[in-house]
Amino acid sequence: MRGEAQARQLEVQTEMLDASIDCIKIINRDGTLRHMNRSGCLALGVAEGESGFGMKWLELLPAEVRKRGSRALASARRGRSARFTGRSVISGEKPREWDNVLTPMRGEDNEITGILCVSREVTLEREAEKRLRMASEVDALTGLPNRRIFRARLNRMIDKSRQSGQVFGLMLFDLDYFKHVNDTMGHIAGDHLLRELSRRLASALTGGDIAVRLGGDEFAVVLGNVADAEAVQSKAEDLLSRMSRPVTYRGRPIHWGVSAGCAMFPADGGDAQLLMRCADMALNDLKTSRRGGVLMYSRSMQQAMEQAATERAVAREIVREDFVEPHYQPKVRLKDGVTVGFEALLRWRRGDESFQPASTVAEAFRDYQLATGIGQSMLGKVLRDIQEWKQQRLQVMPVSINVSPMEFLYDDFAESLLARLDEFQIEPSLIEIEITEQVLAERGSGYAVRALRMLKKAGVRIALDDFGTGYSSFKHLSEYPVDCLKIDRSFIARMAEEPGILKIVQAILQMGPHLSLEVQAEGIETGRQRAMLYRAGCSIGQGFLWGGVLTAEQVTAHLAWADEE
């Protein structure tokens, strides 16, 4: 009866083991199988009747996981539980992933009598993990790898190149006018463009290359099979050509452009961060000077960046410590040299140091906060000077003030200026705003035109400075709220020696009156230049021919002397 009871108990245990969906094996200390349940037999492709005949457990495992299984078995023999992952492959079925746990079995004397191995299928979990990993590494819109995975791949490329001694190139692409596409055609059209350009990028690369979407309208490409910078330049130009082919959305053409900044490993950057910085520097330099095309990084860009950082730091100090001190250059009648107005020029200095011109902090005028900070300080001090001249009952002449493009980016420039004039009780006719053609061509130009029209209507004059070197042409001038053109000093400096330049100056002077525009010349330094301009029809000019710039105190004396005359 006892034997029958034990047999029945063993039968029940076997039935319980077979009912489990986990693969359960009992392994002898020597590594042979003592027992395996039905799920284990099915998973390993072993006939159920053969499960207890002393076959080697490790030999049932796929070859690629036997080392892991052997280490786990050795650990369990020493009395410690162990765990390893594995895969089983049965002909005609897809591979299955397993999580295997080996636990020592002990008898009444605490001696290890065998090892229990429980294997649980985790195929679905692994597939879910893979999908999540793919989702975190792949850009959902374009299917390209994303920024998150890019740095890891770039670092692997760097390690590989260090070992092989080969060079590679990094390219950063940025779409020009992409915001305009979204604004005019909608974000669906913008997404369509990004998908199409991503497809073109991916199809143009070879096995050693990597293309990723960094985000927004920015892409990166790593070129692994290149010999030098010239090869990178050539490949980048080819990619730009492919990307620039026409794209339409619902029958309408999409208009955009592409700019690319490139750098070489290891010549330009010896690690991922520095290499990215160099390529980004080239891209920014390209987009600042022009849009579209390819630009390779050069050491001069680093120097320019450091210089720009220094200028911004100085500009912050100027604003913080209120170092601005306006100086004034007279505007004179060329006929007789009589002063008819002044241009306020930005100067700054620390303590008793010498005055410095605006060019020493040119980078500040690319930054909205710095440009407006310096501009507002300059405006306030010029208006205060004019107010003092009026209070002294001097015959105040019109003063022109330079305004940078950045100062128009918030749509309140005109209102703010008119409020300041009212605060200082200064007539608008005493103020002239000098702008460059850049103001009318770059972002915020709509704000600028609106502000200039409001100012002109209020009586403030508008002068277009550095005319001839920018983006405009005579046919557009009639659309702009401009009263005066100032011929750029570079033309004045060259016209006496270059007949072609003189003809340009003469054409500007002849066309100005037809457009109801006064024309002035700046940078006049010699009597010959003055005479040539006067004969060509120019009546007002300024320059060092009539001396240097004046402080506010010197202007006071000049106006007092003019009143006495």
Protein backbone atom coordinates (compact mmCIF):
# COMPACT_ATOMS: atom_id res chain seq x y z
CA MET A 1 0.00 0.00 0.00
CA ARG A 2 2.84 2.38 0.82
CA GLY A 3 4.40 1.75 -2.58
CA GLU A 4 1.10 2.42 -4.30
CA ALA A 5 0.70 5.67 -2.35
CA GLN A 6 4.16 6.83 -3.33
CA ALA A 7 3.49 5.93 -6.96
CA ARG A 8 0.24 7.82 -6.83
CA GLN A 9 1.96 10.83 -5.23
CA LEU A 10 4.64 10.81 -7.95
CA GLU A 11 1.93 10.57 -10.60
CA VAL A 12 0.13 13.58 -9.11
CA GLN A 13 3.39 15.57 -8.99
CA THR A 14 4.08 14.71 -12.61
CA GLU A 15 0.57 15.77 -13.60
CA MET A 16 1.08 19.06 -11.77
CA LEU A 17 4.41 19.68 -13.48
CA ASP A 18 2.93 18.83 -16.87
CA ALA A 19 0.09 21.27 -16.27
CA SER A 20 2.56 24.17 -15.94
CA ILE A 21 3.24 26.31 -18.98
CA ASP A 22 6.79 26.83 -17.72
CA CYS A 23 9.45 24.37 -18.82
CA ILE A 24 10.49 22.49 -15.66
CA LYS A 25 13.53 20.20 -15.56
CA ILE A 26 15.11 18.29 -12.73
CA ILE A 27 18.83 17.93 -13.37
CA ASN A 28 21.16 15.54 -11.63
CA ARG A 29 24.39 16.84 -10.12
CA ASP A 30 26.30 15.36 -13.07
CA GLY A 31 24.25 17.45 -15.49
CA THR A 32 22.01 14.70 -16.81
CA LEU A 33 18.25 15.03 -16.92
CA ARG A 34 16.24 13.25 -14.24
CA HIS A 35 12.90 14.58 -15.33
CA MET A 36 11.35 17.16 -17.66
CA ASN A 37 7.70 18.19 -17.88
CA ARG A 38 5.58 18.21 -21.02
CA SER A 39 6.21 21.95 -21.74
CA GLY A 40 9.96 21.39 -21.53
CA CYS A 41 9.82 18.46 -23.95
CA LEU A 42 7.80 20.50 -26.43
CA ALA A 43 10.10 23.52 -26.16
CA LEU A 44 13.27 21.49 -26.75
CA GLY A 45 11.76 19.13 -29.31
CA VAL A 46 12.30 16.06 -27.12
CA ALA A 47 9.87 13.13 -27.15
CA GLU A 48 8.16 12.91 -23.76
CA GLY A 49 9.13 9.27 -23.28
CA GLU A 50 12.81 10.19 -23.56
CA SER A 51 12.81 12.86 -20.89
CA GLY A 52 14.28 10.78 -18.08
CA PHE A 53 16.95 8.65 -19.72
CA GLY A 54 20.05 10.51 -18.55
CA MET A 55 20.61 12.75 -21.56
CA LYS A 56 22.93 15.71 -21.04
CA TRP A 57 20.92 18.85 -20.28
CA LEU A 58 23.53 21.23 -21.79
CA GLU A 59 23.46 19.32 -25.07
CA LEU A 60 19.78 20.13 -25.40
CA LEU A 61 20.53 23.85 -25.37
CA PRO A 62 21.38 25.84 -28.54
CA ALA A 63 25.14 26.06 -29.01
CA GLU A 64 25.22 29.85 -28.51
CA VAL A 65 23.83 29.67 -24.96
CA ARG A 66 25.66 26.58 -23.65
CA LYS A 67 28.42 28.62 -22.02
CA ARG A 68 25.85 30.60 -20.05
CA GLY A 69 24.05 27.40 -19.11
CA SER A 70 27.31 25.77 -18.00
CA ARG A 71 28.15 28.71 -15.72
CA ALA A 72 24.65 28.66 -14.21
CA LEU A 73 24.85 24.86 -13.64
CA ALA A 74 28.23 25.19 -11.92
CA SER A 75 26.84 27.89 -9.63
CA ALA A 76 23.82 25.77 -8.70
CA ARG A 77 26.09 22.78 -7.93
CA ARG A 78 27.85 25.02 -5.41
CA GLY A 79 24.55 25.78 -3.72
CA ARG A 80 23.77 29.16 -5.26
CA SER A 81 20.79 29.96 -7.46
CA ALA A 82 21.66 31.17 -10.95
CA ARG A 83 19.89 32.75 -13.89
CA PHE A 84 20.55 33.12 -17.63
CA THR A 85 18.67 33.96 -20.80
CA GLY A 86 18.48 31.74 -23.83
CA ARG A 87 16.74 30.98 -27.07
CA SER A 88 15.29 27.79 -28.50
CA VAL A 89 14.83 27.10 -32.18
CA ILE A 90 12.69 24.27 -33.48
CA SER A 91 12.54 23.62 -37.20
CA GLY A 92 9.48 25.19 -38.75
CA GLU A 93 8.80 27.49 -35.78
CA LYS A 94 9.96 30.99 -34.97
CA PRO A 95 12.66 31.34 -32.27
CA ARG A 96 11.47 31.57 -28.67
CA GLU A 97 13.15 33.55 -25.88
CA TRP A 98 13.53 32.06 -22.38
CA ASP A 99 14.39 33.20 -18.89
CA ASN A 100 16.04 30.26 -17.04
CA VAL A 101 16.38 29.97 -13.24
CA LEU A 102 18.44 27.16 -11.68
CA THR A 103 17.84 26.42 -7.97
CA PRO A 104 19.68 23.77 -5.85
CA MET A 105 17.45 20.98 -4.41
CA ARG A 106 18.48 19.72 -0.97
CA GLY A 107 17.69 16.52 0.93
CA GLU A 108 17.07 15.96 4.62
CA ASP A 109 20.82 16.14 5.32
CA ASN A 110 20.98 19.48 3.44
CA GLU A 111 23.05 17.87 0.72
CA ILE A 112 22.30 18.93 -2.87
CA THR A 113 20.33 16.13 -4.47
CA GLY A 114 19.61 17.79 -7.77
CA ILE A 115 18.92 21.07 -9.51
CA LEU A 116 15.55 22.47 -10.40
CA CYS A 117 15.52 24.42 -13.66
CA VAL A 118 12.45 26.53 -14.42
CA SER A 119 12.39 28.15 -17.85
CA ARG A 120 9.74 30.72 -18.60
CA GLU A 121 9.07 31.94 -22.11
CA VAL A 122 9.57 35.70 -22.45
CA THR A 123 9.31 36.02 -26.23
CA LEU A 124 6.42 38.50 -26.09
CA GLU A 125 8.16 40.57 -23.42
CA ARG A 126 11.38 40.70 -25.46
CA GLU A 127 9.46 41.72 -28.57
CA ALA A 128 7.70 44.45 -26.59
CA GLU A 129 11.05 45.64 -25.22
CA LYS A 130 12.45 45.69 -28.75
CA ARG A 131 9.50 47.73 -29.99
CA LEU A 132 9.93 50.19 -27.13
CA ARG A 133 13.64 50.43 -27.78
CA MET A 134 13.01 51.01 -31.47
CA ALA A 135 10.44 53.67 -30.61
CA SER A 136 12.96 55.43 -28.39
CA GLU A 137 15.70 55.24 -31.03
CA VAL A 138 13.80 55.90 -34.26
CA ASP A 139 12.16 59.14 -35.32
CA ALA A 140 8.46 58.37 -35.70
CA LEU A 141 7.92 60.83 -38.57
CA THR A 142 10.83 59.93 -40.87
CA GLY A 143 11.94 56.46 -39.77
CA LEU A 144 15.53 57.66 -39.38
CA PRO A 145 17.47 57.11 -36.16
CA ASN A 146 16.87 59.99 -33.74
CA ARG A 147 19.09 62.27 -31.66
CA ARG A 148 19.01 59.85 -28.70
CA ILE A 149 20.81 57.07 -30.58
CA PHE A 150 22.99 59.35 -32.70
CA ARG A 151 25.56 60.12 -30.02
CA ALA A 152 26.09 56.41 -29.29
CA ARG A 153 26.59 55.64 -32.98
CA LEU A 154 28.91 58.59 -33.40
CA ASN A 155 31.01 57.42 -30.45
CA ARG A 156 31.20 53.92 -31.94
CA MET A 157 32.36 55.42 -35.22
CA ILE A 158 35.04 57.40 -33.35
CA ASP A 159 36.28 54.27 -31.53
CA LYS A 160 36.42 52.35 -34.78
CA SER A 161 38.30 55.14 -36.53
CA ARG A 162 40.82 55.42 -33.72
CA GLN A 163 41.58 51.72 -34.05
CA SER A 164 41.79 51.73 -37.85
CA GLY A 165 43.35 55.16 -38.31
CA GLN A 166 40.69 56.09 -40.87
CA VAL A 167 39.05 59.52 -41.04
CA PHE A 168 35.37 60.28 -41.41
CA GLY A 169 33.19 63.32 -41.96
CA LEU A 170 30.22 64.75 -40.08
CA MET A 171 27.60 66.86 -41.84
CA LEU A 172 24.82 68.85 -40.20
CA PHE A 173 21.91 69.82 -42.47
CA ASP A 174 19.38 72.53 -41.73
CA LEU A 175 16.40 73.42 -43.90
CA ASP A 176 16.06 77.06 -44.89
CA TYR A 177 12.61 78.70 -44.87
CA PHE A 178 11.02 75.60 -43.29
CA LYS A 179 8.91 77.79 -41.00
CA HIS A 180 7.60 79.53 -44.09
CA VAL A 181 6.52 76.14 -45.48
CA ASN A 182 4.59 75.36 -42.29
CA ASP A 183 3.07 78.85 -42.13
CA THR A 184 1.93 78.99 -45.77
CA MET A 185 1.11 75.35 -46.60
CA GLY A 186 0.48 73.83 -43.19
CA HIS A 187 2.34 71.38 -40.96
CA ILE A 188 1.12 68.41 -43.00
CA ALA A 189 3.04 69.76 -45.99
CA GLY A 190 6.07 70.34 -43.76
CA ASP A 191 5.90 66.75 -42.50
CA HIS A 192 5.59 65.52 -46.09
CA LEU A 193 8.74 67.46 -46.99
CA LEU A 194 10.68 66.04 -44.03
CA ARG A 195 9.69 62.47 -44.91
CA GLU A 196 10.68 62.90 -48.54
CA LEU A 197 14.04 64.48 -47.72
CA SER A 198 14.75 61.73 -45.17
CA ARG A 199 14.05 59.10 -47.79
CA ARG A 200 16.44 60.80 -50.21
CA LEU A 201 19.14 61.03 -47.58
CA ALA A 202 18.84 57.37 -46.56
CA SER A 203 18.81 56.11 -50.16
CA ALA A 204 21.98 58.04 -51.05
CA LEU A 205 24.15 56.63 -48.25
CA THR A 206 26.40 53.57 -48.35
CA GLY A 207 26.94 50.87 -45.73
CA GLY A 208 29.44 52.83 -43.66
CA ASP A 209 27.31 55.97 -43.43
CA ILE A 210 24.76 57.08 -40.84
CA ALA A 211 21.83 59.47 -41.33
CA VAL A 212 19.71 60.72 -38.42
CA ARG A 213 17.06 63.31 -37.75
CA LEU A 214 18.21 65.45 -34.85
CA GLY A 215 14.83 67.12 -34.50
CA GLY A 216 12.74 69.81 -36.20
CA ASP A 217 14.30 70.50 -39.59
CA GLU A 218 17.82 69.37 -38.62
CA PHE A 219 19.60 66.25 -39.87
CA ALA A 220 23.05 64.76 -39.35
CA VAL A 221 25.04 62.48 -41.62
CA VAL A 222 28.23 60.62 -40.75
CA LEU A 223 30.28 59.64 -43.81
CA GLY A 224 32.48 56.67 -43.03
CA ASN A 225 34.00 55.99 -46.44
CA VAL A 226 35.84 59.21 -47.25
CA ALA A 227 39.49 60.02 -47.81
CA ASP A 228 39.65 63.71 -46.95
CA ALA A 229 37.76 66.99 -46.58
CA GLU A 230 37.40 67.36 -50.34
CA ALA A 231 35.56 64.04 -50.49
CA VAL A 232 33.22 65.18 -47.70
CA GLN A 233 32.60 68.46 -49.52
CA SER A 234 31.82 66.59 -52.73
CA LYS A 235 29.49 64.13 -51.00
CA ALA A 236 27.71 66.92 -49.14
CA GLU A 237 27.15 68.82 -52.38
CA ASP A 238 25.76 65.64 -53.96
CA LEU A 239 23.37 65.16 -51.04
CA LEU A 240 22.27 68.79 -51.24
CA SER A 241 21.61 68.35 -54.94
CA ARG A 242 19.46 65.29 -54.27
CA MET A 243 17.59 66.98 -51.43
CA SER A 244 16.97 70.12 -53.49
CA ARG A 245 15.05 68.36 -56.26
CA PRO A 246 11.43 69.54 -56.51
CA VAL A 247 8.87 68.33 -53.99
CA THR A 248 5.15 68.93 -54.35
CA TYR A 249 2.26 68.54 -51.95
CA ARG A 250 -1.22 68.13 -53.38
CA GLY A 251 0.00 69.44 -56.68
CA ARG A 252 1.62 72.55 -55.20
CA PRO A 253 5.42 73.01 -55.24
CA ILE A 254 7.14 73.39 -51.87
CA HIS A 255 9.84 76.04 -51.72
CA TRP A 256 12.73 75.56 -49.30
CA GLY A 257 16.52 75.44 -49.19
CA VAL A 258 19.24 73.39 -47.50
CA SER A 259 22.43 74.47 -45.72
CA ALA A 260 25.15 72.09 -44.54
CA GLY A 261 28.07 72.54 -42.14
CA CYS A 262 30.80 69.88 -42.20
CA ALA A 263 33.72 68.81 -40.02
CA MET A 264 36.36 66.04 -40.14
CA PHE A 265 37.43 63.50 -37.54
CA PRO A 266 40.04 63.71 -36.11
CA ALA A 267 41.43 66.86 -37.78
CA ASP A 268 38.69 69.20 -36.55
CA GLY A 269 37.43 67.43 -33.44
CA GLY A 270 38.85 64.51 -31.49
CA ASP A 271 35.63 63.57 -29.68
CA ALA A 272 31.90 63.60 -30.39
CA GLN A 273 31.16 66.85 -28.57
CA LEU A 274 33.93 68.83 -30.23
CA LEU A 275 33.20 67.37 -33.67
CA MET A 276 29.52 68.32 -33.38
CA ARG A 277 30.51 71.77 -32.21
CA CYS A 278 32.78 72.30 -35.23
CA ALA A 279 30.15 71.17 -37.75
CA ASP A 280 27.54 73.33 -36.01
CA MET A 281 29.91 76.28 -36.10
CA ALA A 282 30.33 75.85 -39.87
CA LEU A 283 26.56 75.63 -40.32
CA ASN A 284 25.91 78.75 -38.26
CA ASP A 285 28.62 80.64 -40.11
CA LEU A 286 27.05 79.65 -43.42
CA LYS A 287 23.53 80.67 -42.38
CA THR A 288 24.79 83.97 -41.01
CA SER A 289 26.64 84.97 -44.19
CA ARG A 290 24.20 83.42 -46.66
CA ARG A 291 21.74 80.57 -46.93
CA GLY A 292 22.21 77.41 -48.93
CA GLY A 293 25.28 75.41 -49.88
CA VAL A 294 28.04 73.60 -48.03
CA LEU A 295 30.72 74.99 -45.73
CA MET A 296 33.62 73.06 -44.19
CA TYR A 297 34.80 73.98 -40.72
CA SER A 298 38.03 76.00 -40.46
CA ARG A 299 40.09 77.18 -37.51
CA SER A 300 39.22 80.78 -38.31
CA MET A 301 35.61 80.02 -37.33
CA GLN A 302 36.74 79.10 -33.84
CA GLN A 303 38.65 82.36 -33.58
CA ALA A 304 35.63 84.28 -34.83
CA MET A 305 33.40 82.53 -32.30
CA GLU A 306 35.76 83.39 -29.46
CA GLN A 307 35.90 87.00 -30.66
CA ALA A 308 32.10 87.11 -30.83
CA ALA A 309 31.84 85.74 -27.28
CA THR A 310 34.26 88.40 -26.08
CA GLU A 311 32.28 91.15 -27.80
CA ARG A 312 29.03 89.94 -26.23
CA ALA A 313 30.64 89.89 -22.80
CA VAL A 314 31.89 93.45 -23.28
CA ALA A 315 28.44 94.51 -24.51
CA ARG A 316 26.82 93.12 -21.36
CA GLU A 317 29.25 95.18 -19.33
CA ILE A 318 28.45 98.28 -21.39
CA VAL A 319 24.74 97.87 -20.71
CA ARG A 320 25.20 96.95 -17.06
CA GLU A 321 27.63 99.79 -16.25
CA ASP A 322 26.05 102.33 -18.63
CA PHE A 323 29.27 102.99 -20.55
CA VAL A 324 27.50 104.46 -23.65
CA GLU A 325 28.56 108.01 -24.60
CA PRO A 326 27.26 109.35 -27.94
CA HIS A 327 29.53 111.38 -30.20
CA TYR A 328 28.39 113.42 -33.17
CA GLN A 329 29.63 113.75 -36.74
CA PRO A 330 28.52 116.91 -38.56
CA LYS A 331 26.57 116.72 -41.80
CA VAL A 332 27.57 119.60 -44.04
CA ARG A 333 26.54 121.32 -47.24
CA LEU A 334 29.16 120.44 -49.84
CA LYS A 335 28.73 123.87 -51.43
CA ASP A 336 30.02 125.88 -48.47
CA GLY A 337 30.82 123.46 -45.61
CA VAL A 338 28.01 124.75 -43.37
CA THR A 339 26.77 122.22 -40.80
CA VAL A 340 23.11 121.26 -41.34
CA GLY A 341 22.78 118.32 -38.94
CA PHE A 342 24.58 115.58 -37.05
CA GLU A 343 24.81 111.83 -36.99
CA ALA A 344 24.98 110.35 -33.50
CA LEU A 345 27.71 107.71 -33.33
CA LEU A 346 27.94 105.09 -30.61
CA ARG A 347 31.04 105.34 -28.44
CA TRP A 348 31.79 103.68 -25.11
CA ARG A 349 34.57 103.65 -22.56
CA ARG A 350 35.49 102.37 -19.12
CA GLY A 351 36.47 105.05 -16.69
CA ASP A 352 39.36 107.10 -18.05
CA GLU A 353 40.13 104.73 -20.93
CA SER A 354 39.93 105.99 -24.51
CA PHE A 355 36.62 105.93 -26.37
CA GLN A 356 35.85 102.79 -28.38
CA PRO A 357 33.64 102.65 -31.51
CA ALA A 358 30.58 100.45 -32.04
CA SER A 359 32.62 98.08 -34.24
CA THR A 360 34.39 96.73 -31.14
CA VAL A 361 31.09 95.15 -30.03
CA ALA A 362 29.56 94.43 -33.44
CA GLU A 363 28.40 90.97 -32.34
CA ALA A 364 26.11 92.56 -29.74
CA PHE A 365 23.83 93.79 -32.52
CA ARG A 366 22.99 90.18 -33.47
CA ASP A 367 21.49 89.66 -30.01
CA TYR A 368 18.07 91.17 -29.27
CA GLN A 369 18.65 91.88 -25.59
CA LEU A 370 22.08 93.43 -26.09
CA ALA A 371 21.10 95.38 -29.21
CA THR A 372 18.03 96.87 -27.57
CA GLY A 373 19.89 97.52 -24.33
CA ILE A 374 22.63 99.49 -26.07
CA GLY A 375 20.15 101.11 -28.46
CA GLN A 376 17.88 102.35 -25.68
CA SER A 377 20.83 103.71 -23.71
CA MET A 378 22.12 105.48 -26.81
CA LEU A 379 18.69 106.92 -27.66
CA GLY A 380 18.13 108.20 -24.13
CA LYS A 381 21.46 109.99 -24.01
CA VAL A 382 21.03 111.54 -27.47
CA LEU A 383 17.59 112.81 -26.54
CA ARG A 384 18.95 114.20 -23.27
CA ASP A 385 21.67 116.07 -25.22
CA ILE A 386 19.08 117.54 -27.60
CA GLN A 387 16.93 118.52 -24.65
CA GLU A 388 19.86 120.37 -23.04
CA TRP A 389 20.66 122.21 -26.29
CA LYS A 390 17.04 123.30 -26.50
CA GLN A 391 17.04 124.44 -22.89
CA GLN A 392 20.10 126.58 -23.70
CA ARG A 393 18.04 128.10 -26.54
CA LEU A 394 20.55 126.96 -29.17
CA GLN A 395 19.47 126.47 -32.76
CA VAL A 396 19.19 122.66 -32.62
CA MET A 397 19.82 120.81 -35.87
CA PRO A 398 18.36 117.41 -36.83
CA VAL A 399 20.20 114.41 -35.41
CA SER A 400 20.23 110.99 -37.04
CA ILE A 401 20.39 107.83 -34.92
CA ASN A 402 21.38 104.38 -36.17
CA VAL A 403 18.97 101.54 -35.41
CA SER A 404 19.96 97.87 -35.74
CA PRO A 405 17.65 95.23 -37.31
CA MET A 406 17.28 93.48 -33.95
CA GLU A 407 15.58 96.51 -32.42
CA PHE A 408 12.57 95.99 -34.70
CA LEU A 409 11.92 92.38 -33.71
CA TYR A 410 9.31 93.31 -31.11
CA ASP A 411 6.50 95.15 -32.83
CA ASP A 412 6.59 98.26 -30.64
CA PHE A 413 9.64 100.18 -31.83
CA ALA A 414 7.75 103.15 -33.28
CA GLU A 415 5.44 103.52 -30.30
CA SER A 416 8.38 103.34 -27.91
CA LEU A 417 10.41 105.95 -29.82
CA LEU A 418 7.50 108.38 -30.12
CA ALA A 419 6.84 107.99 -26.39
CA ARG A 420 10.48 108.87 -25.64
CA LEU A 421 10.27 111.95 -27.87
CA ASP A 422 7.16 113.04 -25.99
CA GLU A 423 8.91 112.39 -22.67
CA PHE A 424 11.80 114.69 -23.62
CA GLN A 425 9.50 117.16 -25.43
CA ILE A 426 11.45 116.87 -28.69
CA GLU A 427 9.82 117.47 -32.05
CA PRO A 428 9.89 114.42 -34.36
CA SER A 429 11.34 116.62 -37.13
CA LEU A 430 14.60 116.84 -35.15
CA ILE A 431 15.14 113.08 -35.37
CA GLU A 432 16.21 110.96 -38.31
CA ILE A 433 16.39 107.16 -38.08
CA GLU A 434 19.19 105.52 -40.04
CA ILE A 435 18.67 101.90 -41.03
CA THR A 436 20.51 99.55 -43.37
CA GLU A 437 18.94 97.60 -46.21
CA GLN A 438 19.32 94.50 -44.04
CA VAL A 439 16.42 95.75 -41.90
CA LEU A 440 14.11 95.51 -44.89
CA ALA A 441 15.26 92.07 -45.99
CA GLU A 442 15.63 89.91 -42.88
CA ARG A 443 13.22 88.40 -40.38
CA GLY A 444 11.07 91.01 -38.74
CA SER A 445 11.05 93.15 -41.89
CA GLY A 446 7.27 93.43 -41.67
CA TYR A 447 7.58 94.90 -38.19
CA ALA A 448 10.29 97.27 -39.43
CA VAL A 449 8.26 98.58 -42.38
CA ARG A 450 5.20 99.14 -40.16
CA ALA A 451 7.31 100.99 -37.58
CA LEU A 452 9.03 103.15 -40.19
CA ARG A 453 5.72 104.13 -41.78
CA MET A 454 4.34 105.16 -38.40
CA LEU A 455 7.46 107.20 -37.63
CA LYS A 456 7.46 108.87 -41.03
CA LYS A 457 3.81 109.78 -40.63
CA ALA A 458 4.67 111.34 -37.25
CA GLY A 459 7.40 113.49 -38.85
CA VAL A 460 10.54 111.43 -38.16
CA ARG A 461 12.82 111.19 -41.20
CA ILE A 462 14.07 107.80 -42.41
CA ALA A 463 17.50 107.37 -44.03
CA LEU A 464 18.77 104.23 -45.75
CA ASP A 465 22.42 103.90 -44.72
CA ASP A 466 25.24 102.11 -46.59
CA PHE A 467 23.19 102.18 -49.76
CA GLY A 468 24.52 100.03 -52.59
CA THR A 469 25.98 97.23 -50.50
CA GLY A 470 22.80 95.47 -49.39
CA TYR A 471 19.77 93.72 -50.82
CA SER A 472 17.53 96.45 -52.19
CA SER A 473 17.27 98.02 -55.60
CA PHE A 474 15.76 101.23 -56.93
CA LYS A 475 12.59 99.46 -58.04
CA HIS A 476 11.85 98.55 -54.38
CA LEU A 477 12.70 101.92 -52.88
CA SER A 478 9.34 103.39 -53.77
CA GLU A 479 7.72 100.70 -51.59
CA TYR A 480 9.79 101.61 -48.52
CA PRO A 481 9.04 104.55 -46.20
CA VAL A 482 12.43 106.19 -46.86
CA ASP A 483 13.31 109.90 -47.19
CA CYS A 484 17.04 109.75 -47.79
CA LEU A 485 19.75 107.52 -49.26
CA LYS A 486 23.30 107.58 -47.92
CA ILE A 487 25.86 106.34 -50.43
CA ASP A 488 28.16 103.83 -48.75
CA ARG A 489 31.65 105.06 -47.87
CA SER A 490 33.27 102.22 -49.84
CA PHE A 491 32.00 103.80 -53.09
CA ILE A 492 33.25 107.23 -52.07
CA ALA A 493 36.71 105.84 -51.29
CA ARG A 494 37.03 104.18 -54.72
CA MET A 495 35.24 106.51 -57.11
CA ALA A 496 38.22 108.78 -57.78
CA GLU A 497 40.31 105.86 -59.03
CA GLU A 498 37.66 103.58 -60.54
CA PRO A 499 35.47 105.01 -63.32
CA GLY A 500 32.94 102.20 -62.92
CA ILE A 501 32.37 103.06 -59.26
CA LEU A 502 32.01 106.75 -60.14
CA LYS A 503 29.27 105.85 -62.64
CA ILE A 504 27.40 103.96 -59.88
CA VAL A 505 27.62 107.02 -57.61
CA GLN A 506 26.42 109.30 -60.41
CA ALA A 507 23.51 106.94 -61.18
CA ILE A 508 22.39 106.96 -57.53
CA LEU A 509 22.56 110.76 -57.42
CA GLN A 510 20.56 111.09 -60.64
CA MET A 511 17.89 108.53 -59.72
CA GLY A 512 17.32 109.73 -56.14
CA PRO A 513 15.38 112.91 -56.98
CA HIS A 514 13.15 110.99 -59.42
CA LEU A 515 12.05 108.90 -56.45
CA SER A 516 11.67 111.97 -54.21
CA LEU A 517 14.69 110.85 -52.20
CA GLU A 518 17.46 113.07 -50.89
CA VAL A 519 20.92 111.56 -51.50
CA GLN A 520 23.82 112.09 -49.11
CA ALA A 521 27.40 110.79 -49.11
CA GLU A 522 29.38 109.50 -46.14
CA GLY A 523 33.07 108.87 -45.68
CA ILE A 524 34.29 111.98 -47.52
CA GLU A 525 37.96 112.43 -46.67
CA THR A 526 39.48 114.54 -49.47
CA GLY A 527 38.70 117.77 -51.26
CA ARG A 528 38.74 115.89 -54.56
CA GLN A 529 35.99 113.57 -53.37
CA ARG A 530 33.92 116.55 -52.21
CA ALA A 531 34.33 118.27 -55.57
CA MET A 532 33.42 115.18 -57.59
CA LEU A 533 30.31 114.59 -55.50
CA TYR A 534 29.21 118.21 -55.73
CA ARG A 535 29.60 118.22 -59.52
CA ALA A 536 27.56 114.99 -59.68
CA GLY A 537 24.67 116.64 -57.83
CA CYS A 538 25.29 115.67 -54.19
CA SER A 539 24.50 118.50 -51.79
CA ILE A 540 24.99 116.95 -48.30
CA GLY A 541 27.89 114.87 -47.01
CA GLN A 542 29.90 113.94 -43.96
CA GLY A 543 33.36 112.63 -43.24
CA PHE A 544 36.75 113.34 -41.74
CA LEU A 545 37.39 116.06 -44.33
CA TRP A 546 35.62 118.34 -41.83
CA GLY A 547 37.39 116.99 -38.76
CA GLY A 548 36.71 114.23 -36.27
CA VAL A 549 33.58 113.40 -34.34
CA LEU A 550 32.46 115.74 -31.55
CA THR A 551 31.46 115.19 -27.94
CA ALA A 552 28.17 116.62 -26.71
CA GLU A 553 30.07 119.52 -25.13
CA GLN A 554 31.83 120.26 -28.43
CA VAL A 555 28.49 120.22 -30.25
CA THR A 556 27.20 122.72 -27.69
CA ALA A 557 30.11 125.04 -28.49
CA HIS A 558 29.61 124.50 -32.22
CA LEU A 559 25.92 125.40 -32.03
CA ALA A 560 26.65 128.45 -29.88
CA TRP A 561 29.22 129.65 -32.41
CA ALA A 562 26.77 129.05 -35.28
CA ASP A 563 24.14 131.13 -33.46
CA GLU A 564 26.60 134.00 -33.08
CA GLU A 565 27.35 133.87 -36.78
